[in-house]
Amino acid sequence: MVLLAKQVSFQEYYAVQQNIFVFSAPTMISLVYYFAEEFLFRGFLFFGLWDRFKYHTFWITNVIFAIFHVGKPTLEVFFAFSLGLVLSYTSFKTKSFIPATIIHFAVALILNILVTYVFTPTNPVNLVMPF
């Protein structure tokens, strides 16, 4: 995630004002978004297609999940496919999309914090971090 956060395309796409109040409201609202997204991809599609496609459901739903991320930074599309496999596996093992929602939210929150507060072009830590 650190490598993604350092990408200029991520910093431009996810630019948020550096004000905790401006940052916290959209963050909480995004939890609803990730709940809906995980319900769609892990709850509805994954479990809905499982009986017909079995293990192929992993790649089928995550290709769709990656396509859903087209328009965001290019690396995110590939990251979405990879993370989607982890989220699908988590849902498969737990028989629920809720743990995937929590993981998805945590990953997005950490990435947004890194992009917004750590790896901004004016932040001196950018000059110190070796990666």
N, C-alpha and C. Protein backbone atom coordinates (compact mmCIF):
# COMPACT_ATOMS: atom_id res chain seq x y z
N MET A 1 0.82 -1.19 0.00
CA MET A 1 0.00 0.00 0.00
C MET A 1 0.87 1.25 0.00
N VAL A 2 2.03 1.15 0.62
CA VAL A 2 2.93 2.31 0.64
C VAL A 2 3.34 2.67 -0.78
N LEU A 3 3.64 1.65 -1.60
CA LEU A 3 4.02 1.93 -2.99
C LEU A 3 2.87 2.59 -3.75
N LEU A 4 1.66 2.16 -3.50
CA LEU A 4 0.51 2.78 -4.15
C LEU A 4 0.33 4.22 -3.68
N ALA A 5 0.47 4.44 -2.39
CA ALA A 5 0.27 5.78 -1.82
C ALA A 5 1.28 6.78 -2.34
N LYS A 6 2.46 6.30 -2.71
CA LYS A 6 3.50 7.21 -3.22
C LYS A 6 3.28 7.59 -4.68
N GLN A 7 2.40 6.90 -5.37
CA GLN A 7 2.14 7.19 -6.78
C GLN A 7 1.41 8.52 -6.91
N VAL A 8 1.88 9.36 -7.81
CA VAL A 8 1.26 10.66 -8.03
C VAL A 8 -0.20 10.49 -8.44
N SER A 9 -0.49 9.47 -9.24
CA SER A 9 -1.87 9.27 -9.69
C SER A 9 -2.81 9.01 -8.50
N PHE A 10 -2.33 8.31 -7.47
CA PHE A 10 -3.14 8.09 -6.28
C PHE A 10 -3.29 9.38 -5.49
N GLN A 11 -2.21 10.14 -5.39
CA GLN A 11 -2.25 11.39 -4.63
C GLN A 11 -3.20 12.39 -5.28
N GLU A 12 -3.24 12.40 -6.61
CA GLU A 12 -4.15 13.30 -7.30
C GLU A 12 -5.60 12.82 -7.20
N TYR A 13 -5.81 11.52 -7.36
CA TYR A 13 -7.17 10.97 -7.36
C TYR A 13 -7.80 11.02 -5.97
N TYR A 14 -6.99 10.76 -4.94
CA TYR A 14 -7.51 10.68 -3.58
C TYR A 14 -7.14 11.90 -2.73
N ALA A 15 -6.87 13.02 -3.38
CA ALA A 15 -6.51 14.22 -2.64
C ALA A 15 -7.67 14.64 -1.74
N VAL A 16 -7.37 14.80 -0.48
CA VAL A 16 -8.36 15.22 0.51
C VAL A 16 -7.73 16.37 1.28
N GLN A 17 -8.55 17.32 1.69
CA GLN A 17 -8.01 18.41 2.50
C GLN A 17 -7.44 17.82 3.78
N GLN A 18 -6.35 18.40 4.25
CA GLN A 18 -5.70 17.89 5.45
C GLN A 18 -6.37 18.46 6.70
N ASN A 19 -7.62 18.17 6.84
CA ASN A 19 -8.41 18.60 7.99
C ASN A 19 -9.16 17.37 8.48
N ILE A 20 -8.94 17.00 9.72
CA ILE A 20 -9.50 15.75 10.25
C ILE A 20 -11.02 15.72 10.17
N PHE A 21 -11.69 16.86 10.29
CA PHE A 21 -13.14 16.88 10.22
C PHE A 21 -13.63 16.68 8.79
N VAL A 22 -12.91 17.22 7.84
CA VAL A 22 -13.26 17.03 6.44
C VAL A 22 -12.97 15.58 6.04
N PHE A 23 -11.96 14.99 6.65
CA PHE A 23 -11.56 13.63 6.33
C PHE A 23 -12.46 12.59 6.99
N SER A 24 -12.90 12.82 8.22
CA SER A 24 -13.62 11.80 8.97
C SER A 24 -15.04 11.54 8.47
N ALA A 25 -15.77 12.56 8.07
CA ALA A 25 -17.14 12.36 7.60
C ALA A 25 -17.18 11.49 6.34
N PRO A 26 -16.39 11.81 5.30
CA PRO A 26 -16.39 10.94 4.12
C PRO A 26 -15.88 9.53 4.44
N THR A 27 -15.00 9.43 5.40
CA THR A 27 -14.48 8.11 5.78
C THR A 27 -15.60 7.26 6.36
N MET A 28 -16.41 7.82 7.21
CA MET A 28 -17.52 7.06 7.79
C MET A 28 -18.58 6.73 6.74
N ILE A 29 -18.83 7.68 5.85
CA ILE A 29 -19.78 7.43 4.77
C ILE A 29 -19.27 6.33 3.85
N SER A 30 -17.95 6.28 3.66
CA SER A 30 -17.38 5.25 2.79
C SER A 30 -17.61 3.85 3.33
N LEU A 31 -17.78 3.71 4.63
CA LEU A 31 -18.08 2.40 5.21
C LEU A 31 -19.39 1.86 4.63
N VAL A 32 -20.36 2.73 4.42
CA VAL A 32 -21.63 2.33 3.81
C VAL A 32 -21.38 1.89 2.36
N TYR A 33 -20.53 2.64 1.67
CA TYR A 33 -20.19 2.31 0.28
C TYR A 33 -19.52 0.93 0.20
N TYR A 34 -18.54 0.69 1.07
CA TYR A 34 -17.84 -0.61 1.04
C TYR A 34 -18.77 -1.74 1.44
N PHE A 35 -19.69 -1.48 2.34
CA PHE A 35 -20.69 -2.48 2.70
C PHE A 35 -21.50 -2.86 1.46
N ALA A 36 -21.97 -1.85 0.73
CA ALA A 36 -22.76 -2.11 -0.48
C ALA A 36 -21.93 -2.81 -1.55
N GLU A 37 -20.69 -2.37 -1.72
CA GLU A 37 -19.82 -2.98 -2.73
C GLU A 37 -19.53 -4.44 -2.39
N GLU A 38 -19.23 -4.71 -1.14
CA GLU A 38 -18.95 -6.09 -0.74
C GLU A 38 -20.21 -6.95 -0.77
N PHE A 39 -21.34 -6.37 -0.44
CA PHE A 39 -22.60 -7.11 -0.57
C PHE A 39 -22.79 -7.54 -2.02
N LEU A 40 -22.54 -6.61 -2.96
CA LEU A 40 -22.71 -6.91 -4.38
C LEU A 40 -21.73 -7.98 -4.85
N PHE A 41 -20.43 -7.76 -4.61
CA PHE A 41 -19.42 -8.65 -5.18
C PHE A 41 -19.22 -9.94 -4.40
N ARG A 42 -19.19 -9.87 -3.09
CA ARG A 42 -18.96 -11.08 -2.28
C ARG A 42 -20.27 -11.72 -1.87
N GLY A 43 -21.24 -10.93 -1.45
CA GLY A 43 -22.50 -11.49 -0.98
C GLY A 43 -23.39 -11.98 -2.11
N PHE A 44 -23.68 -11.13 -3.07
CA PHE A 44 -24.62 -11.45 -4.13
C PHE A 44 -23.97 -12.25 -5.26
N LEU A 45 -22.91 -11.69 -5.88
CA LEU A 45 -22.30 -12.36 -7.03
C LEU A 45 -21.55 -13.63 -6.64
N PHE A 46 -20.63 -13.51 -5.68
CA PHE A 46 -19.79 -14.67 -5.34
C PHE A 46 -20.65 -15.85 -4.87
N PHE A 47 -21.47 -15.62 -3.87
CA PHE A 47 -22.29 -16.73 -3.35
C PHE A 47 -23.38 -17.13 -4.35
N GLY A 48 -23.83 -16.17 -5.14
CA GLY A 48 -24.85 -16.48 -6.15
C GLY A 48 -24.33 -17.34 -7.29
N LEU A 49 -23.06 -17.14 -7.66
CA LEU A 49 -22.47 -17.90 -8.76
C LEU A 49 -21.78 -19.19 -8.31
N TRP A 50 -21.58 -19.34 -7.02
CA TRP A 50 -20.79 -20.47 -6.51
C TRP A 50 -21.34 -21.83 -6.96
N ASP A 51 -22.62 -22.05 -6.85
CA ASP A 51 -23.20 -23.36 -7.20
C ASP A 51 -22.97 -23.72 -8.66
N ARG A 52 -22.95 -22.72 -9.51
CA ARG A 52 -22.80 -22.99 -10.94
C ARG A 52 -21.34 -23.10 -11.36
N PHE A 53 -20.46 -22.24 -10.83
CA PHE A 53 -19.08 -22.16 -11.32
C PHE A 53 -18.02 -22.66 -10.34
N LYS A 54 -18.41 -22.96 -9.13
CA LYS A 54 -17.49 -23.44 -8.08
C LYS A 54 -16.27 -22.52 -7.98
N TYR A 55 -15.06 -23.08 -8.06
CA TYR A 55 -13.84 -22.30 -7.82
C TYR A 55 -13.55 -21.26 -8.91
N HIS A 56 -14.16 -21.41 -10.07
CA HIS A 56 -14.01 -20.38 -11.11
C HIS A 56 -14.66 -19.06 -10.67
N THR A 57 -15.55 -19.16 -9.70
CA THR A 57 -16.22 -17.96 -9.18
C THR A 57 -15.21 -16.95 -8.65
N PHE A 58 -14.08 -17.44 -8.11
CA PHE A 58 -13.05 -16.53 -7.59
C PHE A 58 -12.57 -15.57 -8.67
N TRP A 59 -12.16 -16.11 -9.81
CA TRP A 59 -11.62 -15.21 -10.83
C TRP A 59 -12.72 -14.47 -11.59
N ILE A 60 -13.87 -15.11 -11.78
CA ILE A 60 -14.97 -14.45 -12.51
C ILE A 60 -15.41 -13.18 -11.77
N THR A 61 -15.69 -13.30 -10.49
CA THR A 61 -16.18 -12.13 -9.75
C THR A 61 -15.11 -11.07 -9.59
N ASN A 62 -13.85 -11.48 -9.54
CA ASN A 62 -12.80 -10.49 -9.33
C ASN A 62 -12.34 -9.81 -10.61
N VAL A 63 -12.57 -10.42 -11.75
CA VAL A 63 -12.38 -9.70 -13.01
C VAL A 63 -13.43 -8.58 -13.08
N ILE A 64 -14.66 -8.90 -12.73
CA ILE A 64 -15.73 -7.89 -12.70
C ILE A 64 -15.40 -6.81 -11.67
N PHE A 65 -14.91 -7.22 -10.51
CA PHE A 65 -14.52 -6.28 -9.45
C PHE A 65 -13.42 -5.34 -9.94
N ALA A 66 -12.44 -5.88 -10.66
CA ALA A 66 -11.35 -5.05 -11.20
C ALA A 66 -11.89 -4.07 -12.25
N ILE A 67 -12.76 -4.55 -13.12
CA ILE A 67 -13.36 -3.68 -14.14
C ILE A 67 -14.15 -2.55 -13.47
N PHE A 68 -14.78 -2.84 -12.36
CA PHE A 68 -15.52 -1.85 -11.58
C PHE A 68 -14.60 -0.71 -11.14
N HIS A 69 -13.29 -0.97 -11.03
CA HIS A 69 -12.33 0.03 -10.59
C HIS A 69 -11.65 0.78 -11.74
N VAL A 70 -12.02 0.47 -12.98
CA VAL A 70 -11.47 1.20 -14.13
C VAL A 70 -11.91 2.65 -14.02
N GLY A 71 -10.98 3.56 -14.31
CA GLY A 71 -11.24 4.99 -14.15
C GLY A 71 -10.51 5.55 -12.96
N LYS A 72 -10.11 4.67 -12.06
CA LYS A 72 -9.26 5.06 -10.93
C LYS A 72 -7.82 4.87 -11.40
N PRO A 73 -6.82 5.18 -10.58
CA PRO A 73 -5.44 4.95 -11.02
C PRO A 73 -5.25 3.51 -11.50
N THR A 74 -4.49 3.36 -12.60
CA THR A 74 -4.31 2.06 -13.25
C THR A 74 -3.86 0.96 -12.30
N LEU A 75 -2.92 1.27 -11.42
CA LEU A 75 -2.44 0.26 -10.48
C LEU A 75 -3.56 -0.24 -9.58
N GLU A 76 -4.54 0.59 -9.32
CA GLU A 76 -5.64 0.18 -8.45
C GLU A 76 -6.47 -0.92 -9.08
N VAL A 77 -6.57 -0.92 -10.40
CA VAL A 77 -7.34 -1.97 -11.08
C VAL A 77 -6.70 -3.33 -10.80
N PHE A 78 -5.37 -3.40 -10.91
CA PHE A 78 -4.66 -4.66 -10.64
C PHE A 78 -4.69 -5.01 -9.15
N PHE A 79 -4.54 -3.99 -8.32
CA PHE A 79 -4.60 -4.20 -6.87
C PHE A 79 -6.00 -4.68 -6.47
N ALA A 80 -7.02 -4.15 -7.13
CA ALA A 80 -8.40 -4.54 -6.83
C ALA A 80 -8.61 -6.03 -7.12
N PHE A 81 -8.04 -6.51 -8.22
CA PHE A 81 -8.18 -7.93 -8.54
C PHE A 81 -7.51 -8.78 -7.46
N SER A 82 -6.29 -8.39 -7.08
CA SER A 82 -5.55 -9.15 -6.06
C SER A 82 -6.24 -9.11 -4.71
N LEU A 83 -6.60 -7.92 -4.26
CA LEU A 83 -7.30 -7.80 -2.99
C LEU A 83 -8.66 -8.50 -3.06
N GLY A 84 -9.30 -8.42 -4.21
CA GLY A 84 -10.59 -9.09 -4.39
C GLY A 84 -10.50 -10.58 -4.16
N LEU A 85 -9.39 -11.19 -4.58
CA LEU A 85 -9.19 -12.62 -4.33
C LEU A 85 -9.13 -12.90 -2.83
N VAL A 86 -8.42 -12.03 -2.11
CA VAL A 86 -8.32 -12.17 -0.65
C VAL A 86 -9.70 -12.00 -0.02
N LEU A 87 -10.43 -10.99 -0.47
CA LEU A 87 -11.77 -10.74 0.08
C LEU A 87 -12.73 -11.89 -0.24
N SER A 88 -12.62 -12.43 -1.44
CA SER A 88 -13.47 -13.57 -1.81
C SER A 88 -13.13 -14.79 -0.97
N TYR A 89 -11.84 -15.04 -0.78
CA TYR A 89 -11.42 -16.18 0.03
C TYR A 89 -11.92 -16.02 1.47
N THR A 90 -11.80 -14.80 1.99
CA THR A 90 -12.28 -14.52 3.35
C THR A 90 -13.78 -14.77 3.44
N SER A 91 -14.52 -14.30 2.46
CA SER A 91 -15.97 -14.52 2.45
C SER A 91 -16.30 -16.00 2.31
N PHE A 92 -15.55 -16.69 1.47
CA PHE A 92 -15.76 -18.13 1.27
C PHE A 92 -15.55 -18.89 2.57
N LYS A 93 -14.48 -18.56 3.29
CA LYS A 93 -14.16 -19.28 4.53
C LYS A 93 -15.12 -18.92 5.67
N THR A 94 -15.55 -17.67 5.72
CA THR A 94 -16.42 -17.25 6.83
C THR A 94 -17.91 -17.37 6.49
N LYS A 95 -18.21 -17.60 5.20
CA LYS A 95 -19.61 -17.68 4.73
C LYS A 95 -20.36 -16.36 4.96
N SER A 96 -19.60 -15.26 4.90
CA SER A 96 -20.19 -13.94 5.12
C SER A 96 -19.36 -12.88 4.39
N PHE A 97 -20.01 -11.84 3.91
CA PHE A 97 -19.28 -10.74 3.28
C PHE A 97 -18.88 -9.66 4.28
N ILE A 98 -19.31 -9.76 5.52
CA ILE A 98 -19.01 -8.73 6.53
C ILE A 98 -17.51 -8.63 6.81
N PRO A 99 -16.79 -9.73 7.02
CA PRO A 99 -15.34 -9.60 7.23
C PRO A 99 -14.64 -8.95 6.03
N ALA A 100 -15.10 -9.25 4.82
CA ALA A 100 -14.53 -8.62 3.63
C ALA A 100 -14.79 -7.12 3.64
N THR A 101 -15.95 -6.71 4.10
CA THR A 101 -16.28 -5.28 4.22
C THR A 101 -15.30 -4.59 5.17
N ILE A 102 -15.04 -5.21 6.29
CA ILE A 102 -14.13 -4.63 7.29
C ILE A 102 -12.72 -4.54 6.73
N ILE A 103 -12.26 -5.59 6.05
CA ILE A 103 -10.92 -5.58 5.45
C ILE A 103 -10.84 -4.51 4.37
N HIS A 104 -11.84 -4.45 3.50
CA HIS A 104 -11.86 -3.46 2.41
C HIS A 104 -11.81 -2.04 2.98
N PHE A 105 -12.62 -1.80 3.99
CA PHE A 105 -12.64 -0.48 4.64
C PHE A 105 -11.28 -0.16 5.26
N ALA A 106 -10.67 -1.12 5.94
CA ALA A 106 -9.38 -0.89 6.59
C ALA A 106 -8.29 -0.59 5.56
N VAL A 107 -8.27 -1.33 4.47
CA VAL A 107 -7.28 -1.10 3.41
C VAL A 107 -7.46 0.30 2.82
N ALA A 108 -8.70 0.66 2.51
CA ALA A 108 -8.97 1.98 1.94
C ALA A 108 -8.62 3.09 2.93
N LEU A 109 -8.93 2.90 4.19
CA LEU A 109 -8.63 3.90 5.21
C LEU A 109 -7.12 4.11 5.34
N ILE A 110 -6.38 3.02 5.42
CA ILE A 110 -4.91 3.12 5.52
C ILE A 110 -4.34 3.79 4.28
N LEU A 111 -4.81 3.41 3.10
CA LEU A 111 -4.32 4.02 1.87
C LEU A 111 -4.64 5.51 1.84
N ASN A 112 -5.85 5.89 2.25
CA ASN A 112 -6.22 7.31 2.27
C ASN A 112 -5.38 8.10 3.27
N ILE A 113 -5.09 7.52 4.41
CA ILE A 113 -4.24 8.19 5.40
C ILE A 113 -2.83 8.37 4.84
N LEU A 114 -2.30 7.32 4.21
CA LEU A 114 -0.96 7.42 3.63
C LEU A 114 -0.90 8.48 2.54
N VAL A 115 -1.90 8.47 1.65
CA VAL A 115 -1.92 9.44 0.55
C VAL A 115 -2.12 10.86 1.07
N THR A 116 -3.02 11.03 2.02
CA THR A 116 -3.39 12.36 2.48
C THR A 116 -2.40 12.97 3.46
N TYR A 117 -1.90 12.17 4.37
CA TYR A 117 -1.10 12.74 5.46
C TYR A 117 0.38 12.38 5.43
N VAL A 118 0.76 11.33 4.74
CA VAL A 118 2.16 10.90 4.79
C VAL A 118 2.89 11.20 3.49
N PHE A 119 2.34 10.77 2.38
CA PHE A 119 3.06 10.87 1.11
C PHE A 119 2.55 11.99 0.22
N THR A 120 2.30 13.12 0.79
CA THR A 120 1.94 14.29 -0.02
C THR A 120 3.24 14.89 -0.55
N PRO A 121 3.20 15.53 -1.70
CA PRO A 121 4.43 16.08 -2.28
C PRO A 121 5.19 17.04 -1.36
N THR A 122 4.50 17.70 -0.45
CA THR A 122 5.16 18.68 0.41
C THR A 122 5.61 18.09 1.74
N ASN A 123 5.28 16.84 2.01
CA ASN A 123 5.63 16.22 3.28
C ASN A 123 7.09 15.76 3.26
N PRO A 124 7.90 16.17 4.23
CA PRO A 124 9.31 15.79 4.25
C PRO A 124 9.55 14.29 4.35
N VAL A 125 8.59 13.52 4.86
CA VAL A 125 8.79 12.08 4.97
C VAL A 125 8.94 11.46 3.57
N ASN A 126 8.41 12.12 2.56
CA ASN A 126 8.57 11.66 1.19
C ASN A 126 10.04 11.57 0.80
N LEU A 127 10.84 12.45 1.33
CA LEU A 127 12.26 12.48 0.99
C LEU A 127 13.05 11.44 1.77
N VAL A 128 12.50 10.95 2.87
CA VAL A 128 13.21 10.04 3.75
C VAL A 128 12.91 8.58 3.43
N MET A 129 11.68 8.28 3.05
CA MET A 129 11.27 6.90 2.81
C MET A 129 12.00 6.34 1.59
N PRO A 130 12.65 5.17 1.73
CA PRO A 130 13.44 4.62 0.63
C PRO A 130 12.62 3.96 -0.47
N PHE A 131 11.32 3.77 -0.28
CA PHE A 131 10.52 3.07 -1.30
C PHE A 131 9.47 3.96 -1.88
